[in-house]
Structures are given as structure tokens and as C-alpha cells.
PDB file of N, CA and C in Angstrom:
ATOM      1  N   UNK A   1       0.849  -0.959   0.161  1.00  0.00           N
ATOM      2  CA  UNK A   1      -0.159  -0.001   0.241  1.00  0.00           C
ATOM      3  C   UNK A   1       0.840   1.037  -0.115  1.00  0.00           C
ATOM      4  N   UNK A   2       0.595   2.280  -0.827  1.00  0.00           N
ATOM      5  CA  UNK A   2       1.389   3.420  -1.067  1.00  0.00           C
ATOM      6  C   UNK A   2       0.327   4.282  -0.700  1.00  0.00           C
ATOM      7  N   UNK A   3       1.185   5.413   0.547  1.00  0.00           N
ATOM      8  CA  UNK A   3       0.711   6.254   0.604  1.00  0.00           C
ATOM      9  C   UNK A   3       1.116   8.069   0.266  1.00  0.00           C
ATOM     10  N   UNK A   4      -0.114   8.718  -0.082  1.00  0.00           N
ATOM     11  CA  UNK A   4       0.550   9.581  -0.796  1.00  0.00           C
ATOM     12  C   UNK A   4       0.651  10.880   0.320  1.00  0.00           C
ATOM     13  N   UNK A   5       1.286  11.819   0.644  1.00  0.00           N
ATOM     14  CA  UNK A   5       1.177  13.258   1.392  1.00  0.00           C
ATOM     15  C   UNK A   5       0.549  14.456   0.466  1.00  0.00           C
ATOM     16  N   UNK A   6      -0.700  14.661   1.102  1.00  0.00           N
ATOM     17  CA  UNK A   6      -1.126  16.362   0.360  1.00  0.00           C
ATOM     18  C   UNK A   6      -0.451  17.275   1.328  1.00  0.00           C
ATOM     19  N   UNK A   7      -0.313  18.466   0.382  1.00  0.00           N
ATOM     20  CA  UNK A   7      -0.341  19.416   1.437  1.00  0.00           C
ATOM     21  C   UNK A   7      -1.626  19.965   2.052  1.00  0.00           C
ATOM     22  N   UNK A   8      -2.775  20.044   1.769  1.00  0.00           N
ATOM     23  CA  UNK A   8      -4.377  20.152   2.703  1.00  0.00           C
ATOM     24  C   UNK A   8      -5.057  19.190   2.580  1.00  0.00           C
ATOM     25  N   UNK A   9      -5.534  19.453   4.283  1.00  0.00           N
ATOM     26  CA  UNK A   9      -5.945  18.292   5.252  1.00  0.00           C
ATOM     27  C   UNK A   9      -7.338  18.936   5.322  1.00  0.00           C
ATOM     28  N   UNK A  10      -8.410  18.449   5.089  1.00  0.00           N
ATOM     29  CA  UNK A  10      -9.795  18.982   5.380  1.00  0.00           C
ATOM     30  C   UNK A  10     -10.152  18.627   7.166  1.00  0.00           C
ATOM     31  N   UNK A  11     -10.478  19.824   7.434  1.00  0.00           N
ATOM     32  CA  UNK A  11     -10.957  19.747   9.072  1.00  0.00           C
ATOM     33  C   UNK A  11     -12.351  20.570   9.074  1.00  0.00           C
ATOM     34  N   UNK A  12     -13.097  19.779   9.967  1.00  0.00           N
ATOM     35  CA  UNK A  12     -14.441  19.581  10.562  1.00  0.00           C
ATOM     36  C   UNK A  12     -14.421  19.941  12.115  1.00  0.00           C
ATOM     37  N   UNK A  13     -15.096  21.376  12.320  1.00  0.00           N
ATOM     38  CA  UNK A  13     -15.148  21.430  13.896  1.00  0.00           C
ATOM     39  C   UNK A  13     -16.870  21.631  14.023  1.00  0.00           C
ATOM     40  N   UNK A  14     -17.523  20.343  14.962  1.00  0.00           N
ATOM     41  CA  UNK A  14     -18.452  20.732  15.510  1.00  0.00           C
ATOM     42  C   UNK A  14     -18.337  21.333  16.454  1.00  0.00           C
ATOM     43  N   UNK A  15     -19.309  23.047  16.135  1.00  0.00           N
ATOM     44  CA  UNK A  15     -19.582  23.645  17.520  1.00  0.00           C
ATOM     45  C   UNK A  15     -20.990  24.295  17.508  1.00  0.00           C
ATOM     46  N   UNK A  16     -21.688  24.419  18.797  1.00  0.00           N
ATOM     47  CA  UNK A  16     -22.949  24.995  18.807  1.00  0.00           C
ATOM     48  C   UNK A  16     -23.621  25.908  18.100  1.00  0.00           C
ATOM     49  N   UNK A  17     -22.491  26.524  17.207  1.00  0.00           N
ATOM     50  CA  UNK A  17     -23.431  27.417  16.267  1.00  0.00           C
ATOM     51  C   UNK A  17     -23.557  26.426  14.990  1.00  0.00           C
ATOM     52  N   UNK A  18     -22.496  25.074  14.862  1.00  0.00           N
ATOM     53  CA  UNK A  18     -23.007  24.962  13.660  1.00  0.00           C
ATOM     54  C   UNK A  18     -22.101  23.893  13.680  1.00  0.00           C
ATOM     55  N   UNK A  19     -21.447  23.066  12.025  1.00  0.00           N
ATOM     56  CA  UNK A  19     -20.059  22.959  11.427  1.00  0.00           C
ATOM     57  C   UNK A  19     -19.614  24.020  10.818  1.00  0.00           C
ATOM     58  N   UNK A  20     -18.154  24.085  11.359  1.00  0.00           N
ATOM     59  CA  UNK A  20     -17.258  24.871  11.065  1.00  0.00           C
ATOM     60  C   UNK A  20     -16.557  24.394   9.809  1.00  0.00           C
ATOM     61  N   UNK A  21     -15.870  24.690   8.862  1.00  0.00           N
ATOM     62  CA  UNK A  21     -14.790  23.445   7.765  1.00  0.00           C
ATOM     63  C   UNK A  21     -13.771  24.858   7.659  1.00  0.00           C
ATOM     64  N   UNK A  22     -12.217  24.078   7.508  1.00  0.00           N
ATOM     65  CA  UNK A  22     -11.002  24.272   7.665  1.00  0.00           C
ATOM     66  C   UNK A  22     -10.094  23.672   6.276  1.00  0.00           C
ATOM     67  N   UNK A  23      -9.709  24.381   5.755  1.00  0.00           N
ATOM     68  CA  UNK A  23      -8.335  23.477   5.072  1.00  0.00           C
ATOM     69  C   UNK A  23      -7.369  23.835   6.380  1.00  0.00           C
ATOM     70  N   UNK A  24      -6.238  22.644   6.049  1.00  0.00           N
ATOM     71  CA  UNK A  24      -5.077  22.563   6.869  1.00  0.00           C
ATOM     72  C   UNK A  24      -4.064  22.478   5.972  1.00  0.00           C
ATOM     73  N   UNK A  25      -2.596  23.582   6.193  1.00  0.00           N
ATOM     74  CA  UNK A  25      -2.131  23.376   5.523  1.00  0.00           C
ATOM     75  C   UNK A  25      -0.999  23.140   6.248  1.00  0.00           C
ATOM     76  N   UNK A  26      -0.162  22.101   6.696  1.00  0.00           N
ATOM     77  CA  UNK A  26       1.109  22.318   7.522  1.00  0.00           C
ATOM     78  C   UNK A  26       2.491  22.536   6.759  1.00  0.00           C
ATOM     79  N   UNK A  27       3.537  23.352   7.433  1.00  0.00           N
ATOM     80  CA  UNK A  27       4.189  23.419   6.698  1.00  0.00           C
ATOM     81  C   UNK A  27       5.914  23.302   7.349  1.00  0.00           C
ATOM     82  N   UNK A  28       6.419  22.642   7.002  1.00  0.00           N
ATOM     83  CA  UNK A  28       7.582  21.772   7.553  1.00  0.00           C
ATOM     84  C   UNK A  28       8.746  22.787   7.336  1.00  0.00           C
ATOM     85  N   UNK A  29       9.701  22.891   8.054  1.00  0.00           N
ATOM     86  CA  UNK A  29      10.636  23.682   8.080  1.00  0.00           C
ATOM     87  C   UNK A  29      12.139  22.946   8.259  1.00  0.00           C
ATOM     88  N   UNK A  30      13.582  23.413   7.665  1.00  0.00           N
ATOM     89  CA  UNK A  30      14.360  22.607   8.596  1.00  0.00           C
ATOM     90  C   UNK A  30      15.024  21.860   7.786  1.00  0.00           C
ATOM     91  N   UNK A  31      16.441  21.071   7.928  1.00  0.00           N
ATOM     92  CA  UNK A  31      16.629  19.912   7.088  1.00  0.00           C
ATOM     93  C   UNK A  31      17.141  18.750   8.810  1.00  0.00           C
ATOM     94  N   UNK A  32      17.122  17.726   7.981  1.00  0.00           N
ATOM     95  CA  UNK A  32      17.742  16.653   9.150  1.00  0.00           C
ATOM     96  C   UNK A  32      18.966  17.477   9.917  1.00  0.00           C
ATOM     97  N   UNK A  33      20.226  17.782   9.376  1.00  0.00           N
ATOM     98  CA  UNK A  33      20.930  18.666   9.814  1.00  0.00           C
ATOM     99  C   UNK A  33      21.002  19.414  11.098  1.00  0.00           C
ATOM    100  N   UNK A  34      19.921  20.266  11.096  1.00  0.00           N
ATOM    101  CA  UNK A  34      19.830  21.286  11.626  1.00  0.00           C
ATOM    102  C   UNK A  34      19.001  21.445  12.804  1.00  0.00           C
ATOM    103  N   UNK A  35      19.198  20.582  14.398  1.00  0.00           N
ATOM    104  CA  UNK A  35      18.224  20.354  14.915  1.00  0.00           C
ATOM    105  C   UNK A  35      17.551  21.265  15.490  1.00  0.00           C
ATOM    106  N   UNK A  36      17.883  22.759  15.649  1.00  0.00           N
ATOM    107  CA  UNK A  36      17.307  23.769  16.361  1.00  0.00           C
ATOM    108  C   UNK A  36      15.838  24.161  15.567  1.00  0.00           C
ATOM    109  N   UNK A  37      15.541  23.464  14.525  1.00  0.00           N
ATOM    110  CA  UNK A  37      14.414  23.882  13.663  1.00  0.00           C
ATOM    111  C   UNK A  37      13.863  22.586  13.121  1.00  0.00           C
ATOM    112  N   UNK A  38      14.821  21.218  13.033  1.00  0.00           N
ATOM    113  CA  UNK A  38      14.176  20.125  13.127  1.00  0.00           C
ATOM    114  C   UNK A  38      12.716  19.309  12.838  1.00  0.00           C
ATOM    115  N   UNK A  39      12.361  19.995  13.707  1.00  0.00           N
ATOM    116  CA  UNK A  39      11.139  19.485  14.217  1.00  0.00           C
ATOM    117  C   UNK A  39      10.194  20.589  14.299  1.00  0.00           C
ATOM    118  N   UNK A  40      10.412  21.653  13.930  1.00  0.00           N
ATOM    119  CA  UNK A  40       9.409  22.953  13.348  1.00  0.00           C
ATOM    120  C   UNK A  40       8.284  22.860  12.786  1.00  0.00           C
ATOM    121  N   UNK A  41       7.042  22.604  12.899  1.00  0.00           N
ATOM    122  CA  UNK A  41       6.053  22.592  12.017  1.00  0.00           C
ATOM    123  C   UNK A  41       4.823  23.513  12.530  1.00  0.00           C
ATOM    124  N   UNK A  42       4.383  23.792  11.216  1.00  0.00           N
ATOM    125  CA  UNK A  42       3.506  25.597  11.109  1.00  0.00           C
ATOM    126  C   UNK A  42       2.293  24.841  10.528  1.00  0.00           C
ATOM    127  N   UNK A  43       1.371  25.184  11.616  1.00  0.00           N
ATOM    128  CA  UNK A  43      -0.479  24.316  11.010  1.00  0.00           C
ATOM    129  C   UNK A  43      -0.632  26.001  10.680  1.00  0.00           C
ATOM    130  N   UNK A  44      -1.687  25.836   9.486  1.00  0.00           N
ATOM    131  CA  UNK A  44      -2.447  26.841   9.082  1.00  0.00           C
ATOM    132  C   UNK A  44      -3.917  27.090   8.787  1.00  0.00           C
ATOM    133  N   UNK A  45      -4.719  27.469   9.332  1.00  0.00           N
ATOM    134  CA  UNK A  45      -6.224  27.186   8.832  1.00  0.00           C
ATOM    135  C   UNK A  45      -6.755  28.058   8.212  1.00  0.00           C
ATOM    136  N   UNK A  46      -7.271  27.551   7.349  1.00  0.00           N
ATOM    137  CA  UNK A  46      -7.953  28.874   6.235  1.00  0.00           C
ATOM    138  C   UNK A  46      -9.666  28.068   6.056  1.00  0.00           C
ATOM    139  N   UNK A  47     -10.238  28.887   6.731  1.00  0.00           N
ATOM    140  CA  UNK A  47     -12.123  28.974   6.284  1.00  0.00           C
ATOM    141  C   UNK A  47     -12.130  28.342   4.761  1.00  0.00           C
ATOM    142  N   UNK A  48     -12.958  27.118   4.915  1.00  0.00           N
ATOM    143  CA  UNK A  48     -13.488  26.058   3.334  1.00  0.00           C
ATOM    144  C   UNK A  48     -14.493  26.834   2.938  1.00  0.00           C
ATOM    145  N   UNK A  49     -15.201  27.378   3.300  1.00  0.00           N
ATOM    146  CA  UNK A  49     -16.973  27.822   2.933  1.00  0.00           C
ATOM    147  C   UNK A  49     -16.962  29.459   3.218  1.00  0.00           C
ATOM    148  N   UNK A  50     -17.741  30.013   2.991  1.00  0.00           N
ATOM    149  CA  UNK A  50     -18.386  31.690   3.209  1.00  0.00           C
ATOM    150  C   UNK A  50     -18.908  31.008   4.611  1.00  0.00           C
ATOM    151  N   UNK A  51     -19.866  30.611   4.916  1.00  0.00           N
ATOM    152  CA  UNK A  51     -20.402  29.816   6.573  1.00  0.00           C
ATOM    153  C   UNK A  51     -19.260  30.485   7.449  1.00  0.00           C
ATOM    154  N   UNK A  52     -17.691  29.280   6.981  1.00  0.00           N
ATOM    155  CA  UNK A  52     -16.963  28.996   8.432  1.00  0.00           C
ATOM    156  C   UNK A  52     -16.241  30.732   8.354  1.00  0.00           C
ATOM    157  N   UNK A  53     -16.051  31.168   7.357  1.00  0.00           N
ATOM    158  CA  UNK A  53     -15.166  32.617   6.665  1.00  0.00           C
ATOM    159  C   UNK A  53     -16.436  33.868   7.766  1.00  0.00           C
ATOM    160  N   UNK A  54     -17.480  33.695   7.654  1.00  0.00           N
ATOM    161  CA  UNK A  54     -17.855  34.619   8.380  1.00  0.00           C
ATOM    162  C   UNK A  54     -18.116  34.282   9.877  1.00  0.00           C
ATOM    163  N   UNK A  55     -18.696  33.435   9.925  1.00  0.00           N
ATOM    164  CA  UNK A  55     -18.055  32.955  12.300  1.00  0.00           C
ATOM    165  C   UNK A  55     -17.161  33.028  11.987  1.00  0.00           C
ATOM    166  N   UNK A  56     -16.078  33.594  11.354  1.00  0.00           N
ATOM    167  CA  UNK A  56     -14.577  33.343  12.516  1.00  0.00           C
ATOM    168  C   UNK A  56     -14.959  34.856  12.085  1.00  0.00           C
ATOM    169  N   UNK A  57     -14.849  35.739  11.155  1.00  0.00           N
ATOM    170  CA  UNK A  57     -14.925  37.570  11.344  1.00  0.00           C
ATOM    171  C   UNK A  57     -15.754  37.706  12.472  1.00  0.00           C
ATOM    172  N   UNK A  58     -16.901  36.822  13.142  1.00  0.00           N
ATOM    173  CA  UNK A  58     -17.804  37.398  14.215  1.00  0.00           C
ATOM    174  C   UNK A  58     -16.847  37.310  15.794  1.00  0.00           C
ATOM    175  N   UNK A  59     -16.020  36.109  15.528  1.00  0.00           N
ATOM    176  CA  UNK A  59     -14.851  36.261  16.339  1.00  0.00           C
ATOM    177  C   UNK A  59     -13.981  36.989  16.829  1.00  0.00           C
ATOM    178  N   UNK A  60     -13.401  37.691  16.235  1.00  0.00           N
ATOM    179  CA  UNK A  60     -12.515  38.932  15.839  1.00  0.00           C
ATOM    180  C   UNK A  60     -12.762  39.998  15.794  1.00  0.00           C
TER     181      UNK A  60
END
């Protein structure tokens, strides 16, 4: 079985206000020789639809 790595992962969160849908992008920095940032990963969440975008804006 072969697994492929995808740069975007769907993320659905059930809240009292309804479902919020996000696209998750994970960035990995550094090289195997650089131990200071070898394990540094950054996850960014982007609204996947207009309803989620509107809900996030009301929080801010």
C-alpha cells in the first residue's frame, strides 16, 4: 500500500453554532542536520466555505 502526502487536509469542527470547515496546510521547516528547527511545523487553518469565513469574522 502506498500513501501519498497531501499539502491540504480538511478539518471539520462541530460547534454549537454549527459545523465549521477549514483547510489545514502544514509547513515543515529545516533540514535533518539542523536540530534547532528540525521538528518545527506550522499549521495554518483557512476557512473552507463562506459560512465558516463569516463565523470566524464575528469572533474577531
